[in-house]
């Protein structure tokens, strides 16, 4: 028999963490890794629409990193998990910082707050950025109640910075000016 995508085990509002414990689908842990999954889908949309190959490759690496984040958040911290889960480390944060610095060197200085938009590809990146901020908030909330690797909120924080700069960089490549906020 082939593998089925549906199990019917979640029909009553519960799901299992890695480790087997059942929790409500409204649990803050589920909200955290669900938001990371949503972010990963937005990152795929950004990657699929961008033309800059360097950005596309970086976004693909980020998607792999986000899968690691999701797995770490889905793991039950109260259980001894038999399988070895991948770990997010400092090198992933450094990759984002290096990419931010690389793009920022090519951008004009930021002189005011800017509005999201100007081109659909720029807007997609800003949507991903705001979902990233929400994932970060969910993860910080989870960390107030349960163990969470300190690298995860740090990574998500830096990723939202990366996405902000990527949106501006994409605008520069598409010859679309930043839209300054008018007071």
N, C-alpha and C. Protein backbone atom coordinates (compact mmCIF):
# COMPACT_ATOMS: atom_id res chain seq x y z
N UNK A 1 0.84 -1.18 0.00
CA UNK A 1 0.00 0.00 0.00
C UNK A 1 0.89 1.25 0.00
N UNK A 2 0.53 2.21 -0.79
CA UNK A 2 1.28 3.46 -0.89
C UNK A 2 1.05 4.32 0.35
N UNK A 3 2.00 5.19 0.63
CA UNK A 3 1.90 6.13 1.75
C UNK A 3 0.76 7.10 1.50
N UNK A 4 -0.07 7.32 2.51
CA UNK A 4 -1.17 8.28 2.39
C UNK A 4 -0.82 9.54 3.12
N UNK A 5 -1.18 10.66 2.53
CA UNK A 5 -0.90 11.96 3.13
C UNK A 5 -1.82 12.24 4.31
N UNK A 6 -3.00 11.69 4.30
CA UNK A 6 -3.92 11.93 5.40
C UNK A 6 -3.88 10.75 6.38
N UNK A 7 -3.92 11.08 7.66
CA UNK A 7 -3.91 10.06 8.71
C UNK A 7 -5.20 10.08 9.53
N UNK A 8 -5.93 11.17 9.46
CA UNK A 8 -7.16 11.40 10.21
C UNK A 8 -6.91 11.58 11.71
N UNK A 9 -5.65 11.54 12.13
CA UNK A 9 -5.37 11.69 13.56
C UNK A 9 -5.54 13.13 14.03
N UNK A 10 -5.52 14.09 13.12
CA UNK A 10 -5.66 15.49 13.50
C UNK A 10 -7.07 16.02 13.41
N UNK A 11 -8.01 15.15 13.08
CA UNK A 11 -9.39 15.60 12.87
C UNK A 11 -10.03 16.19 14.12
N UNK A 12 -9.54 15.84 15.28
CA UNK A 12 -10.14 16.33 16.53
C UNK A 12 -9.35 17.48 17.14
N UNK A 13 -8.45 18.07 16.35
CA UNK A 13 -7.73 19.26 16.81
C UNK A 13 -6.44 18.99 17.55
N UNK A 14 -5.90 17.80 17.41
CA UNK A 14 -4.62 17.46 18.06
C UNK A 14 -3.63 16.97 17.02
N UNK A 15 -2.37 17.15 17.33
CA UNK A 15 -1.32 16.67 16.46
C UNK A 15 -0.18 16.15 17.34
N UNK A 16 0.74 15.42 16.76
CA UNK A 16 1.85 14.86 17.52
C UNK A 16 3.13 15.63 17.24
N UNK A 17 3.87 15.88 18.31
CA UNK A 17 5.20 16.45 18.17
C UNK A 17 6.18 15.34 17.80
N UNK A 18 7.35 15.72 17.31
CA UNK A 18 8.40 14.73 17.11
C UNK A 18 8.75 14.22 18.51
N UNK A 19 8.55 12.96 18.73
CA UNK A 19 8.70 12.36 20.05
C UNK A 19 7.42 11.68 20.49
N UNK A 20 6.29 12.02 19.80
CA UNK A 20 5.06 11.30 20.01
C UNK A 20 3.98 11.96 20.85
N UNK A 21 4.32 12.94 21.68
CA UNK A 21 3.31 13.55 22.55
C UNK A 21 2.29 14.31 21.71
N UNK A 22 1.01 14.10 22.04
CA UNK A 22 -0.07 14.81 21.35
C UNK A 22 -0.33 16.14 22.05
N UNK A 23 -0.50 17.19 21.23
CA UNK A 23 -0.81 18.52 21.74
C UNK A 23 -1.91 19.13 20.88
N UNK A 24 -2.57 20.13 21.41
CA UNK A 24 -3.59 20.85 20.65
C UNK A 24 -2.95 21.55 19.46
N UNK A 25 -3.69 21.62 18.38
CA UNK A 25 -3.19 22.36 17.22
C UNK A 25 -3.12 23.85 17.49
N UNK A 26 -3.71 24.29 18.62
CA UNK A 26 -3.64 25.69 19.02
C UNK A 26 -2.47 25.95 19.97
N UNK A 27 -1.66 24.92 20.26
CA UNK A 27 -0.50 25.06 21.13
C UNK A 27 0.49 26.07 20.54
N UNK A 28 1.16 26.83 21.41
CA UNK A 28 2.10 27.85 20.91
C UNK A 28 3.26 27.23 20.13
N UNK A 29 3.62 26.00 20.44
CA UNK A 29 4.68 25.33 19.68
C UNK A 29 4.21 25.07 18.25
N UNK A 30 2.96 24.65 18.08
CA UNK A 30 2.42 24.40 16.75
C UNK A 30 2.32 25.72 15.97
N UNK A 31 1.90 26.77 16.67
CA UNK A 31 1.82 28.09 16.04
C UNK A 31 3.20 28.53 15.56
N UNK A 32 4.23 28.28 16.38
CA UNK A 32 5.59 28.70 16.02
C UNK A 32 6.07 27.96 14.77
N UNK A 33 6.00 26.62 14.78
CA UNK A 33 6.55 25.94 13.61
C UNK A 33 5.61 26.03 12.41
N UNK A 34 4.32 26.23 12.65
CA UNK A 34 3.40 26.47 11.53
C UNK A 34 3.69 27.80 10.84
N UNK A 35 4.04 28.80 11.63
CA UNK A 35 4.38 30.11 11.05
C UNK A 35 5.70 30.03 10.29
N UNK A 36 6.64 29.24 10.79
CA UNK A 36 7.90 29.03 10.06
C UNK A 36 7.61 28.32 8.74
N UNK A 37 6.68 27.37 8.74
CA UNK A 37 6.30 26.69 7.51
C UNK A 37 5.66 27.67 6.52
N UNK A 38 4.80 28.54 7.03
CA UNK A 38 4.19 29.58 6.18
C UNK A 38 5.28 30.48 5.60
N UNK A 39 6.24 30.87 6.42
CA UNK A 39 7.36 31.68 5.95
C UNK A 39 8.12 30.96 4.84
N UNK A 40 8.35 29.67 5.02
CA UNK A 40 9.08 28.90 4.02
C UNK A 40 8.33 28.90 2.68
N UNK A 41 7.00 28.82 2.73
CA UNK A 41 6.22 28.87 1.50
C UNK A 41 6.37 30.23 0.82
N UNK A 42 6.36 31.30 1.61
CA UNK A 42 6.56 32.64 1.04
C UNK A 42 7.97 32.78 0.45
N UNK A 43 8.94 32.17 1.12
CA UNK A 43 10.31 32.21 0.59
C UNK A 43 10.37 31.50 -0.77
N UNK A 44 9.63 30.40 -0.90
CA UNK A 44 9.58 29.71 -2.19
C UNK A 44 8.97 30.59 -3.27
N UNK A 45 7.93 31.33 -2.92
CA UNK A 45 7.33 32.25 -3.89
C UNK A 45 8.34 33.32 -4.30
N UNK A 46 9.04 33.87 -3.34
CA UNK A 46 10.07 34.88 -3.66
C UNK A 46 11.13 34.29 -4.57
N UNK A 47 11.60 33.10 -4.22
CA UNK A 47 12.65 32.46 -5.02
C UNK A 47 12.15 32.18 -6.43
N UNK A 48 10.91 31.76 -6.56
CA UNK A 48 10.37 31.44 -7.88
C UNK A 48 10.18 32.67 -8.76
N UNK A 49 10.03 33.84 -8.17
CA UNK A 49 9.75 35.04 -8.97
C UNK A 49 10.98 35.88 -9.25
N UNK A 50 12.01 35.76 -8.43
CA UNK A 50 13.20 36.59 -8.64
C UNK A 50 14.03 36.10 -9.82
N UNK A 51 14.68 37.05 -10.47
CA UNK A 51 15.54 36.72 -11.62
C UNK A 51 17.01 36.63 -11.22
N UNK A 52 17.41 37.30 -10.14
CA UNK A 52 18.80 37.33 -9.71
C UNK A 52 19.19 35.96 -9.16
N UNK A 53 20.11 35.29 -9.86
CA UNK A 53 20.48 33.92 -9.50
C UNK A 53 21.12 33.82 -8.12
N UNK A 54 21.93 34.78 -7.74
CA UNK A 54 22.56 34.76 -6.41
C UNK A 54 21.49 34.80 -5.32
N UNK A 55 20.50 35.67 -5.48
CA UNK A 55 19.41 35.76 -4.51
C UNK A 55 18.60 34.47 -4.48
N UNK A 56 18.36 33.89 -5.64
CA UNK A 56 17.60 32.64 -5.72
C UNK A 56 18.32 31.52 -4.99
N UNK A 57 19.63 31.43 -5.17
CA UNK A 57 20.41 30.39 -4.49
C UNK A 57 20.41 30.60 -2.98
N UNK A 58 20.54 31.86 -2.55
CA UNK A 58 20.51 32.15 -1.12
C UNK A 58 19.15 31.81 -0.53
N UNK A 59 18.08 32.15 -1.23
CA UNK A 59 16.74 31.83 -0.75
C UNK A 59 16.53 30.32 -0.63
N UNK A 60 17.09 29.56 -1.55
CA UNK A 60 16.98 28.11 -1.46
C UNK A 60 17.69 27.59 -0.21
N UNK A 61 18.87 28.11 0.05
CA UNK A 61 19.59 27.72 1.28
C UNK A 61 18.78 28.09 2.52
N UNK A 62 18.18 29.27 2.49
CA UNK A 62 17.36 29.71 3.61
C UNK A 62 16.17 28.77 3.80
N UNK A 63 15.56 28.32 2.71
CA UNK A 63 14.45 27.39 2.83
C UNK A 63 14.88 26.10 3.53
N UNK A 64 16.07 25.62 3.21
CA UNK A 64 16.60 24.44 3.91
C UNK A 64 16.81 24.76 5.40
N UNK A 65 17.33 25.94 5.69
CA UNK A 65 17.52 26.34 7.09
C UNK A 65 16.18 26.40 7.83
N UNK A 66 15.16 26.93 7.16
CA UNK A 66 13.85 27.04 7.79
C UNK A 66 13.24 25.67 8.06
N UNK A 67 13.56 24.70 7.23
CA UNK A 67 13.09 23.34 7.50
C UNK A 67 13.74 22.81 8.77
N UNK A 68 15.01 23.12 8.97
CA UNK A 68 15.70 22.74 10.21
C UNK A 68 15.04 23.43 11.41
N UNK A 69 14.75 24.72 11.27
CA UNK A 69 14.08 25.46 12.35
C UNK A 69 12.75 24.79 12.68
N UNK A 70 11.97 24.47 11.66
CA UNK A 70 10.69 23.83 11.88
C UNK A 70 10.82 22.50 12.60
N UNK A 71 11.80 21.70 12.20
CA UNK A 71 12.02 20.41 12.85
C UNK A 71 12.41 20.59 14.32
N UNK A 72 13.28 21.56 14.59
CA UNK A 72 13.68 21.81 15.98
C UNK A 72 12.48 22.25 16.82
N UNK A 73 11.64 23.11 16.25
CA UNK A 73 10.47 23.59 16.99
C UNK A 73 9.43 22.49 17.16
N UNK A 74 9.35 21.55 16.23
CA UNK A 74 8.37 20.47 16.29
C UNK A 74 8.79 19.35 17.24
N UNK A 75 10.03 19.37 17.69
CA UNK A 75 10.53 18.32 18.58
C UNK A 75 10.08 18.58 20.02
N UNK A 76 9.62 17.53 20.67
CA UNK A 76 9.17 17.61 22.06
C UNK A 76 10.39 17.73 22.97
N UNK A 77 10.55 18.86 23.68
CA UNK A 77 11.72 19.02 24.53
C UNK A 77 11.68 18.12 25.77
N UNK A 78 10.52 17.52 26.04
CA UNK A 78 10.39 16.65 27.22
C UNK A 78 10.68 15.20 26.90
N UNK A 79 10.94 14.88 25.66
CA UNK A 79 11.18 13.49 25.25
C UNK A 79 12.62 13.32 24.77
N UNK A 80 13.12 12.11 24.95
CA UNK A 80 14.41 11.75 24.39
C UNK A 80 14.15 11.22 22.98
N UNK A 81 14.42 12.05 21.99
CA UNK A 81 14.08 11.72 20.61
C UNK A 81 15.17 10.82 20.03
N UNK A 82 14.73 9.73 19.44
CA UNK A 82 15.65 8.72 18.91
C UNK A 82 16.38 9.20 17.66
N UNK A 83 15.68 9.91 16.79
CA UNK A 83 16.31 10.34 15.54
C UNK A 83 17.17 11.60 15.80
N UNK A 84 18.22 11.72 15.05
CA UNK A 84 19.07 12.90 15.17
C UNK A 84 18.53 14.00 14.26
N UNK A 85 18.16 15.11 14.89
CA UNK A 85 17.64 16.25 14.13
C UNK A 85 18.78 17.18 13.75
N UNK A 86 18.70 17.79 12.56
CA UNK A 86 19.72 18.78 12.21
C UNK A 86 19.64 19.98 13.14
N UNK A 87 20.74 20.68 13.27
CA UNK A 87 20.83 21.81 14.20
C UNK A 87 21.18 23.07 13.42
N UNK A 88 20.53 24.15 13.79
CA UNK A 88 20.85 25.46 13.22
C UNK A 88 21.99 26.04 14.04
N UNK A 89 23.01 26.56 13.37
CA UNK A 89 24.17 27.09 14.08
C UNK A 89 24.47 28.53 13.73
N UNK A 90 25.60 28.98 14.19
CA UNK A 90 26.04 30.37 13.96
C UNK A 90 26.35 30.62 12.48
N UNK A 91 26.79 29.59 11.75
CA UNK A 91 27.17 29.80 10.35
C UNK A 91 25.99 30.25 9.51
N UNK A 92 24.78 29.82 9.87
CA UNK A 92 23.61 30.22 9.11
C UNK A 92 23.31 31.71 9.32
N UNK A 93 23.53 32.20 10.54
CA UNK A 93 23.36 33.63 10.84
C UNK A 93 24.42 34.43 10.11
N UNK A 94 25.65 33.94 10.10
CA UNK A 94 26.74 34.63 9.41
C UNK A 94 26.47 34.72 7.92
N UNK A 95 25.90 33.67 7.33
CA UNK A 95 25.53 33.72 5.90
C UNK A 95 24.59 34.90 5.65
N UNK A 96 23.59 35.05 6.49
CA UNK A 96 22.64 36.16 6.31
C UNK A 96 23.34 37.51 6.47
N UNK A 97 24.19 37.63 7.47
CA UNK A 97 24.91 38.89 7.69
C UNK A 97 25.81 39.22 6.51
N UNK A 98 26.49 38.22 5.97
CA UNK A 98 27.36 38.45 4.81
C UNK A 98 26.55 38.89 3.59
N UNK A 99 25.39 38.28 3.39
CA UNK A 99 24.54 38.66 2.27
C UNK A 99 23.97 40.07 2.46
N UNK A 100 23.59 40.40 3.69
CA UNK A 100 23.11 41.76 3.98
C UNK A 100 24.21 42.76 3.64
N UNK A 101 25.41 42.51 4.11
CA UNK A 101 26.53 43.43 3.87
C UNK A 101 26.84 43.55 2.38
N UNK A 102 26.82 42.42 1.66
CA UNK A 102 27.11 42.42 0.22
C UNK A 102 26.11 43.31 -0.53
N UNK A 103 24.83 43.13 -0.25
CA UNK A 103 23.81 43.91 -0.95
C UNK A 103 23.82 45.37 -0.50
N UNK A 104 24.01 45.58 0.79
CA UNK A 104 23.97 46.94 1.35
C UNK A 104 25.06 47.83 0.76
N UNK A 105 26.20 47.24 0.44
CA UNK A 105 27.29 48.02 -0.17
C UNK A 105 26.90 48.60 -1.52
N UNK A 106 25.95 47.97 -2.19
CA UNK A 106 25.53 48.40 -3.52
C UNK A 106 24.33 49.34 -3.50
N UNK A 107 23.70 49.46 -2.34
CA UNK A 107 22.47 50.26 -2.24
C UNK A 107 22.75 51.69 -1.83
N UNK A 108 21.91 52.62 -2.27
CA UNK A 108 22.04 53.98 -1.77
C UNK A 108 21.67 54.00 -0.28
N UNK A 109 22.23 54.94 0.46
CA UNK A 109 21.92 55.00 1.90
C UNK A 109 20.42 55.21 2.12
N UNK A 110 19.92 54.58 3.18
CA UNK A 110 18.51 54.72 3.54
C UNK A 110 18.35 56.01 4.32
N UNK A 111 17.48 56.91 3.84
CA UNK A 111 17.35 58.23 4.45
C UNK A 111 16.01 58.43 5.15
N UNK A 112 15.09 57.48 4.97
CA UNK A 112 13.79 57.57 5.63
C UNK A 112 13.19 56.17 5.72
N UNK A 113 12.10 56.07 6.44
CA UNK A 113 11.36 54.82 6.42
C UNK A 113 10.81 54.66 5.00
N UNK A 114 10.67 53.40 4.59
CA UNK A 114 10.13 53.17 3.24
C UNK A 114 8.88 52.29 3.34
N UNK A 115 8.02 52.45 2.35
CA UNK A 115 6.80 51.65 2.27
C UNK A 115 7.07 50.41 1.44
N UNK A 116 6.46 49.29 1.81
CA UNK A 116 6.59 48.09 0.97
C UNK A 116 5.91 48.33 -0.37
N UNK A 117 6.50 47.83 -1.43
CA UNK A 117 5.86 47.91 -2.73
C UNK A 117 6.75 48.50 -3.80
N UNK A 118 6.15 48.77 -4.94
CA UNK A 118 6.86 49.31 -6.09
C UNK A 118 6.92 48.33 -7.24
N UNK A 119 6.87 47.04 -6.91
CA UNK A 119 6.90 45.98 -7.91
C UNK A 119 6.40 44.72 -7.20
N UNK A 120 5.68 43.84 -7.89
CA UNK A 120 5.18 42.63 -7.21
C UNK A 120 6.28 41.81 -6.52
N UNK A 121 7.45 41.70 -7.14
CA UNK A 121 8.52 40.91 -6.53
C UNK A 121 9.01 41.54 -5.23
N UNK A 122 9.06 42.84 -5.19
CA UNK A 122 9.44 43.56 -3.97
C UNK A 122 8.38 43.33 -2.89
N UNK A 123 7.12 43.40 -3.29
CA UNK A 123 6.02 43.19 -2.34
C UNK A 123 6.04 41.77 -1.78
N UNK A 124 6.31 40.77 -2.61
CA UNK A 124 6.40 39.39 -2.12
C UNK A 124 7.47 39.28 -1.03
N UNK A 125 8.59 39.93 -1.25
CA UNK A 125 9.68 39.86 -0.26
C UNK A 125 9.24 40.54 1.04
N UNK A 126 8.55 41.67 0.94
CA UNK A 126 8.08 42.35 2.15
C UNK A 126 7.03 41.51 2.89
N UNK A 127 6.19 40.80 2.16
CA UNK A 127 5.25 39.89 2.82
C UNK A 127 6.02 38.80 3.57
N UNK A 128 7.02 38.23 2.93
CA UNK A 128 7.85 37.23 3.60
C UNK A 128 8.52 37.82 4.85
N UNK A 129 8.96 39.07 4.74
CA UNK A 129 9.60 39.74 5.89
C UNK A 129 8.63 39.85 7.06
N UNK A 130 7.38 40.23 6.79
CA UNK A 130 6.43 40.39 7.89
C UNK A 130 6.03 39.04 8.48
N UNK A 131 5.95 38.01 7.66
CA UNK A 131 5.68 36.67 8.18
C UNK A 131 6.87 36.21 9.03
N UNK A 132 8.07 36.56 8.60
CA UNK A 132 9.27 36.24 9.37
C UNK A 132 9.23 36.90 10.75
N UNK A 133 8.82 38.15 10.80
CA UNK A 133 8.70 38.85 12.09
C UNK A 133 7.68 38.15 12.98
N UNK A 134 6.58 37.69 12.39
CA UNK A 134 5.58 36.96 13.18
C UNK A 134 6.16 35.64 13.68
N UNK A 135 6.90 34.93 12.83
CA UNK A 135 7.54 33.68 13.25
C UNK A 135 8.49 33.94 14.41
N UNK A 136 9.21 35.05 14.33
CA UNK A 136 10.12 35.41 15.41
C UNK A 136 9.34 35.66 16.71
N UNK A 137 8.23 36.41 16.63
CA UNK A 137 7.41 36.67 17.82
C UNK A 137 6.86 35.37 18.41
N UNK A 138 6.39 34.48 17.54
CA UNK A 138 5.87 33.19 18.02
C UNK A 138 6.95 32.37 18.72
N UNK A 139 8.15 32.40 18.16
CA UNK A 139 9.26 31.65 18.73
C UNK A 139 9.70 32.24 20.07
N UNK A 140 9.72 33.56 20.16
CA UNK A 140 10.07 34.21 21.43
C UNK A 140 9.03 33.87 22.49
N UNK A 141 7.76 33.88 22.11
CA UNK A 141 6.70 33.50 23.06
C UNK A 141 6.88 32.05 23.51
N UNK A 142 7.15 31.17 22.58
CA UNK A 142 7.40 29.77 22.93
C UNK A 142 8.57 29.66 23.90
N UNK A 143 9.64 30.40 23.64
CA UNK A 143 10.83 30.35 24.49
C UNK A 143 10.55 30.83 25.92
N UNK A 144 9.50 31.61 26.11
CA UNK A 144 9.12 32.03 27.46
C UNK A 144 8.47 30.90 28.25
N UNK A 145 8.06 29.83 27.55
CA UNK A 145 7.36 28.72 28.19
C UNK A 145 8.07 27.37 28.09
N UNK A 146 9.00 27.25 27.17
CA UNK A 146 9.66 25.97 26.93
C UNK A 146 11.05 26.22 26.34
N UNK A 147 11.92 25.23 26.44
CA UNK A 147 13.27 25.41 25.87
C UNK A 147 13.23 25.57 24.35
N UNK A 148 13.94 26.59 23.87
CA UNK A 148 14.10 26.84 22.44
C UNK A 148 15.56 27.25 22.24
N UNK A 149 16.19 26.67 21.25
CA UNK A 149 17.57 27.03 20.94
C UNK A 149 17.67 28.53 20.70
N UNK A 150 18.64 29.18 21.32
CA UNK A 150 18.79 30.63 21.17
C UNK A 150 19.12 31.04 19.74
N UNK A 151 19.63 30.12 18.96
CA UNK A 151 19.95 30.43 17.57
C UNK A 151 18.70 30.67 16.73
N UNK A 152 17.57 30.09 17.12
CA UNK A 152 16.36 30.21 16.30
C UNK A 152 15.82 31.64 16.27
N UNK A 153 15.53 32.27 17.43
CA UNK A 153 15.07 33.66 17.34
C UNK A 153 16.11 34.58 16.70
N UNK A 154 17.39 34.33 16.98
CA UNK A 154 18.45 35.15 16.38
C UNK A 154 18.43 35.00 14.86
N UNK A 155 18.30 33.78 14.39
CA UNK A 155 18.26 33.53 12.94
C UNK A 155 17.06 34.23 12.31
N UNK A 156 15.90 34.11 12.93
CA UNK A 156 14.70 34.73 12.38
C UNK A 156 14.81 36.25 12.39
N UNK A 157 15.43 36.80 13.42
CA UNK A 157 15.63 38.25 13.48
C UNK A 157 16.52 38.71 12.33
N UNK A 158 17.62 38.00 12.12
CA UNK A 158 18.54 38.37 11.06
C UNK A 158 17.91 38.13 9.70
N UNK A 159 17.10 37.08 9.58
CA UNK A 159 16.44 36.78 8.32
C UNK A 159 15.49 37.92 7.93
N UNK A 160 14.78 38.49 8.89
CA UNK A 160 13.89 39.61 8.54
C UNK A 160 14.71 40.81 8.08
N UNK A 161 15.88 41.02 8.68
CA UNK A 161 16.77 42.09 8.20
C UNK A 161 17.23 41.80 6.77
N UNK A 162 17.60 40.55 6.53
CA UNK A 162 18.03 40.14 5.19
C UNK A 162 16.92 40.42 4.17
N UNK A 163 15.70 40.07 4.53
CA UNK A 163 14.58 40.26 3.59
C UNK A 163 14.32 41.73 3.32
N UNK A 164 14.47 42.58 4.33
CA UNK A 164 14.32 44.01 4.11
C UNK A 164 15.35 44.51 3.09
N UNK A 165 16.59 44.11 3.28
CA UNK A 165 17.66 44.54 2.36
C UNK A 165 17.46 43.90 0.99
N UNK A 166 17.02 42.64 0.96
CA UNK A 166 16.76 41.98 -0.32
C UNK A 166 15.67 42.71 -1.10
N UNK A 167 14.66 43.20 -0.42
CA UNK A 167 13.59 43.95 -1.10
C UNK A 167 14.17 45.21 -1.73
N UNK A 168 15.01 45.93 -1.00
CA UNK A 168 15.63 47.13 -1.56
C UNK A 168 16.57 46.77 -2.71
N UNK A 169 17.35 45.72 -2.54
CA UNK A 169 18.28 45.27 -3.56
C UNK A 169 17.54 44.87 -4.84
N UNK A 170 16.42 44.17 -4.67
CA UNK A 170 15.60 43.78 -5.81
C UNK A 170 15.07 45.02 -6.52
N UNK A 171 14.65 46.01 -5.75
CA UNK A 171 14.21 47.27 -6.34
C UNK A 171 15.32 47.91 -7.17
N UNK A 172 16.53 47.89 -6.62
CA UNK A 172 17.66 48.46 -7.35
C UNK A 172 17.88 47.71 -8.67
N UNK A 173 17.84 46.37 -8.63
CA UNK A 173 18.04 45.57 -9.84
C UNK A 173 16.94 45.82 -10.86
N UNK A 174 15.72 46.07 -10.40
CA UNK A 174 14.58 46.30 -11.29
C UNK A 174 14.41 47.78 -11.63
N UNK A 175 15.33 48.59 -11.10
CA UNK A 175 15.29 50.04 -11.32
C UNK A 175 13.98 50.65 -10.80
N UNK A 176 13.60 50.22 -9.60
CA UNK A 176 12.42 50.72 -8.91
C UNK A 176 12.90 51.42 -7.64
N UNK A 177 12.60 52.69 -7.51
CA UNK A 177 13.03 53.44 -6.34
C UNK A 177 12.25 53.02 -5.09
N UNK A 178 12.93 53.15 -3.93
CA UNK A 178 12.24 53.00 -2.65
C UNK A 178 11.09 53.98 -2.60
N UNK A 179 10.03 53.63 -1.91
CA UNK A 179 8.89 54.54 -1.72
C UNK A 179 9.01 55.13 -0.32
N UNK A 180 9.46 56.39 -0.19
CA UNK A 180 9.65 56.94 1.15
C UNK A 180 8.32 57.19 1.83
N UNK A 181 8.30 56.95 3.13
CA UNK A 181 7.14 57.25 3.94
C UNK A 181 7.04 58.77 4.12
N UNK A 182 5.87 59.32 3.88
CA UNK A 182 5.64 60.75 4.05
C UNK A 182 4.89 60.98 5.34
N UNK A 183 5.44 61.82 6.20
CA UNK A 183 4.82 62.10 7.50
C UNK A 183 3.57 62.91 7.34
